C-alpha atoms as a PDB file:
ATOM      1  CA  MET A   1      -5.519  16.841  18.546  1.00  0.00           C
ATOM      2  CA  LEU A   2      -5.838  16.755  22.324  1.00  0.00           C
ATOM      3  CA  ARG A   3      -5.137  13.400  23.978  1.00  0.00           C
ATOM      4  CA  CYS A   4      -3.521  11.968  20.835  1.00  0.00           C
ATOM      5  CA  GLU A   5      -1.293   8.995  21.434  1.00  0.00           C
ATOM      6  CA  PRO A   6       1.409   7.563  19.156  1.00  0.00           C
ATOM      7  CA  ALA A   7       0.541   4.328  17.395  1.00  0.00           C
ATOM      8  CA  ASP A   8       2.783   1.281  17.515  1.00  0.00           C
ATOM      9  CA  ILE A   9       2.080   0.502  13.840  1.00  0.00           C
ATOM     10  CA  PRO A  10       0.848   2.819  11.041  1.00  0.00           C
ATOM     11  CA  ILE A  11      -2.322   0.863  10.138  1.00  0.00           C
ATOM     12  CA  GLU A  12      -4.473  -1.089  12.567  1.00  0.00           C
ATOM     13  CA  MET A  13      -5.427  -4.610  11.515  1.00  0.00           C
ATOM     14  CA  ASN A  14      -9.166  -5.281  11.128  1.00  0.00           C
ATOM     15  CA  HIS A  15      -9.971  -1.620  11.793  1.00  0.00           C
ATOM     16  CA  LYS A  16     -13.661  -0.803  11.464  1.00  0.00           C
ATOM     17  CA  LEU A  17     -14.955   2.618  10.462  1.00  0.00           C
ATOM     18  CA  CYS A  18     -17.747   2.335  13.027  1.00  0.00           C
ATOM     19  CA  GLU A  19     -17.355   0.770  16.457  1.00  0.00           C
ATOM     20  CA  ASP A  20     -21.080   0.556  17.227  1.00  0.00           C
ATOM     21  CA  MET A  21     -24.049  -0.016  14.961  1.00  0.00           C
ATOM     22  CA  ASP A  22     -25.672   3.242  16.170  1.00  0.00           C
ATOM     23  CA  GLN A  23     -22.504   5.284  15.645  1.00  0.00           C
ATOM     24  CA  GLU A  24     -22.549   7.997  12.979  1.00  0.00           C
ATOM     25  CA  PRO A  25     -20.619   6.724   9.923  1.00  0.00           C
ATOM     26  CA  THR A  26     -17.433   8.360   8.695  1.00  0.00           C
ATOM     27  CA  ASN A  27     -17.821  11.242   6.247  1.00  0.00           C
ATOM     28  CA  LYS A  28     -17.141   9.845   2.763  1.00  0.00           C
ATOM     29  CA  GLU A  29     -17.194  13.158   0.856  1.00  0.00           C
ATOM     30  CA  GLN A  30     -13.428  13.660   0.616  1.00  0.00           C
ATOM     31  CA  TYR A  31     -12.908  10.157  -0.811  1.00  0.00           C
ATOM     32  CA  GLN A  32     -15.792  10.604  -3.241  1.00  0.00           C
ATOM     33  CA  ARG A  33     -14.353  13.953  -4.452  1.00  0.00           C
ATOM     34  CA  LEU A  34     -10.977  12.326  -5.078  1.00  0.00           C
ATOM     35  CA  VAL A  35     -12.535   9.460  -7.045  1.00  0.00           C
ATOM     36  CA  GLY A  36     -14.604  11.960  -9.015  1.00  0.00           C
ATOM     37  CA  ARG A  37     -11.506  13.951  -9.924  1.00  0.00           C
ATOM     38  CA  LEU A  38      -9.696  10.808 -11.048  1.00  0.00           C
ATOM     39  CA  ILE A  39     -12.633   9.812 -13.242  1.00  0.00           C
ATOM     40  CA  TYR A  40     -12.723  13.341 -14.678  1.00  0.00           C
ATOM     41  CA  LEU A  41      -8.998  13.188 -15.495  1.00  0.00           C
ATOM     42  CA  ALA A  42      -9.360   9.765 -17.099  1.00  0.00           C
ATOM     43  CA  HIS A  43     -12.082  11.112 -19.418  1.00  0.00           C
ATOM     44  CA  THR A  44     -10.617  14.533 -20.198  1.00  0.00           C
ATOM     45  CA  ARG A  45      -6.927  13.594 -20.347  1.00  0.00           C
ATOM     46  CA  PRO A  46      -6.754  10.215 -22.103  1.00  0.00           C
ATOM     47  CA  ASN A  47      -3.064  10.843 -22.834  1.00  0.00           C
ATOM     48  CA  ILE A  48      -2.307  10.420 -19.113  1.00  0.00           C
ATOM     49  CA  ALA A  49      -4.229   7.140 -18.889  1.00  0.00           C
ATOM     50  CA  TYR A  50      -2.619   5.901 -22.114  1.00  0.00           C
ATOM     51  CA  ALA A  51       0.910   6.750 -20.932  1.00  0.00           C
ATOM     52  CA  VAL A  52       0.450   4.935 -17.630  1.00  0.00           C
ATOM     53  CA  LYS A  53      -1.136   1.889 -19.287  1.00  0.00           C
ATOM     54  CA  LYS A  54       1.577   1.733 -21.954  1.00  0.00           C
ATOM     55  CA  HIS A  55       4.330   1.961 -19.331  1.00  0.00           C
ATOM     56  CA  VAL A  56       2.812  -0.907 -17.318  1.00  0.00           C
ATOM     57  CA  GLU A  57       2.399  -3.049 -20.451  1.00  0.00           C
ATOM     58  CA  VAL A  58       6.036  -2.506 -21.493  1.00  0.00           C
ATOM     59  CA  ASP A  59       7.303  -3.396 -18.009  1.00  0.00           C
ATOM     60  CA  ARG A  60       5.105  -6.503 -17.870  1.00  0.00           C
ATOM     61  CA  HIS A  61       6.240  -7.654 -21.333  1.00  0.00           C
ATOM     62  CA  PHE A  62       9.902  -7.087 -20.437  1.00  0.00           C
ATOM     63  CA  ILE A  63       9.692  -9.148 -17.227  1.00  0.00           C
ATOM     64  CA  LYS A  64       7.578 -11.889 -18.861  1.00  0.00           C
ATOM     65  CA  GLU A  65      10.159 -12.264 -21.632  1.00  0.00           C
ATOM     66  CA  LYS A  66      13.021 -12.560 -19.125  1.00  0.00           C
ATOM     67  CA  ILE A  67      11.123 -15.187 -17.111  1.00  0.00           C
ATOM     68  CA  GLU A  68      10.345 -17.244 -20.238  1.00  0.00           C
ATOM     69  CA  LYS A  69      14.012 -17.165 -21.314  1.00  0.00           C
ATOM     70  CA  LYS A  70      14.956 -18.202 -17.756  1.00  0.00           C
ATOM     71  CA  ILE A  71      17.187 -15.149 -17.388  1.00  0.00           C
ATOM     72  CA  ILE A  72      15.440 -14.363 -14.123  1.00  0.00           C
ATOM     73  CA  ARG A  73      13.344 -16.525 -11.857  1.00  0.00           C
ATOM     74  CA  LEU A  74      10.771 -15.674  -9.255  1.00  0.00           C
ATOM     75  CA  PRO A  75      11.136 -17.888  -6.199  1.00  0.00           C
ATOM     76  CA  PHE A  76       8.176 -18.579  -3.936  1.00  0.00           C
ATOM     77  CA  VAL A  77       8.067 -16.250  -0.924  1.00  0.00           C
ATOM     78  CA  LYS A  78       6.100 -17.265   2.157  1.00  0.00           C
ATOM     79  CA  SER A  79       3.492 -14.795   3.406  1.00  0.00           C
ATOM     80  CA  GLU A  80       5.426 -14.003   6.575  1.00  0.00           C
ATOM     81  CA  ASP A  81       8.475 -13.078   4.493  1.00  0.00           C
ATOM     82  CA  GLN A  82       6.646 -10.645   2.178  1.00  0.00           C
ATOM     83  CA  LEU A  83       8.419  -7.406   3.090  1.00  0.00           C
ATOM     84  CA  ALA A  84       6.205  -5.314   0.802  1.00  0.00           C
ATOM     85  CA  ASP A  85       3.188  -6.147   2.981  1.00  0.00           C
ATOM     86  CA  VAL A  86       4.370  -3.658   5.599  1.00  0.00           C
ATOM     87  CA  LEU A  87       4.094  -0.901   2.958  1.00  0.00           C
ATOM     88  CA  THR A  88       0.761  -1.920   1.444  1.00  0.00           C
ATOM     89  CA  LYS A  89      -1.543  -3.290   4.146  1.00  0.00           C
ATOM     90  CA  ALA A  90      -2.189  -3.624   7.836  1.00  0.00           C
ATOM     91  CA  VAL A  91      -0.016  -6.216   9.559  1.00  0.00           C
ATOM     92  CA  CYS A  92       0.327  -7.196  13.198  1.00  0.00           C
ATOM     93  CA  SER A  93       2.898  -5.441  15.361  1.00  0.00           C
ATOM     94  CA  ARG A  94       5.335  -8.383  15.300  1.00  0.00           C
ATOM     95  CA  VAL A  95       5.340  -8.633  11.490  1.00  0.00           C
ATOM     96  CA  PHE A  96       5.621  -4.839  11.209  1.00  0.00           C
ATOM     97  CA  HIS A  97       8.702  -4.608  13.433  1.00  0.00           C
ATOM     98  CA  ASP A  98      10.302  -7.742  11.937  1.00  0.00           C
ATOM     99  CA  SER A  99       9.890  -6.274   8.446  1.00  0.00           C
ATOM    100  CA  LEU A 100      11.439  -2.965   9.490  1.00  0.00           C
ATOM    101  CA  THR A 101      14.436  -4.848  10.887  1.00  0.00           C
ATOM    102  CA  LYS A 102      14.813  -6.892   7.683  1.00  0.00           C
ATOM    103  CA  LEU A 103      14.593  -3.717   5.599  1.00  0.00           C
ATOM    104  CA  GLY A 104      17.211  -2.032   7.785  1.00  0.00           C
ATOM    105  CA  ILE A 105      14.834   0.714   8.843  1.00  0.00           C
ATOM    106  CA  GLY A 106      15.429   1.941  12.363  1.00  0.00           C
ATOM    107  CA  ASP A 107      13.636   4.321  14.674  1.00  0.00           C
ATOM    108  CA  VAL A 108      15.183   7.733  14.044  1.00  0.00           C
ATOM    109  CA  TYR A 109      13.836   8.921  17.400  1.00  0.00           C
ATOM    110  CA  ALA A 110      15.279   6.041  19.445  1.00  0.00           C
ATOM    111  CA  PRO A 111      17.974   7.082  21.931  1.00  0.00           C
ATOM    112  CA  THR A 112      21.461   6.234  20.696  1.00  0.00           C
END
């Protein structure tokens, strides 16, 4: 961890696993083990998979019914206003900091 520097944003946009074509690729074993364990659980514990699937189906049906009855409506949200993007994918520094401001999230380490 020598010479580590803080990052301005948590995920870099357009980050490549290899900088150069002759660079040694990233070790994929940890990811492959995780995927293998998830597949194992899905096959050996179908009750878990069923419970998750059933929960998602119930939520989807509930929301769909409310939309059809016009109890709730889903307005169009422009890409730059999608606050969830900051939690799910890499965004540029400006969008990242704008989203944090809109969400009311401040820097806990900033001098007061």
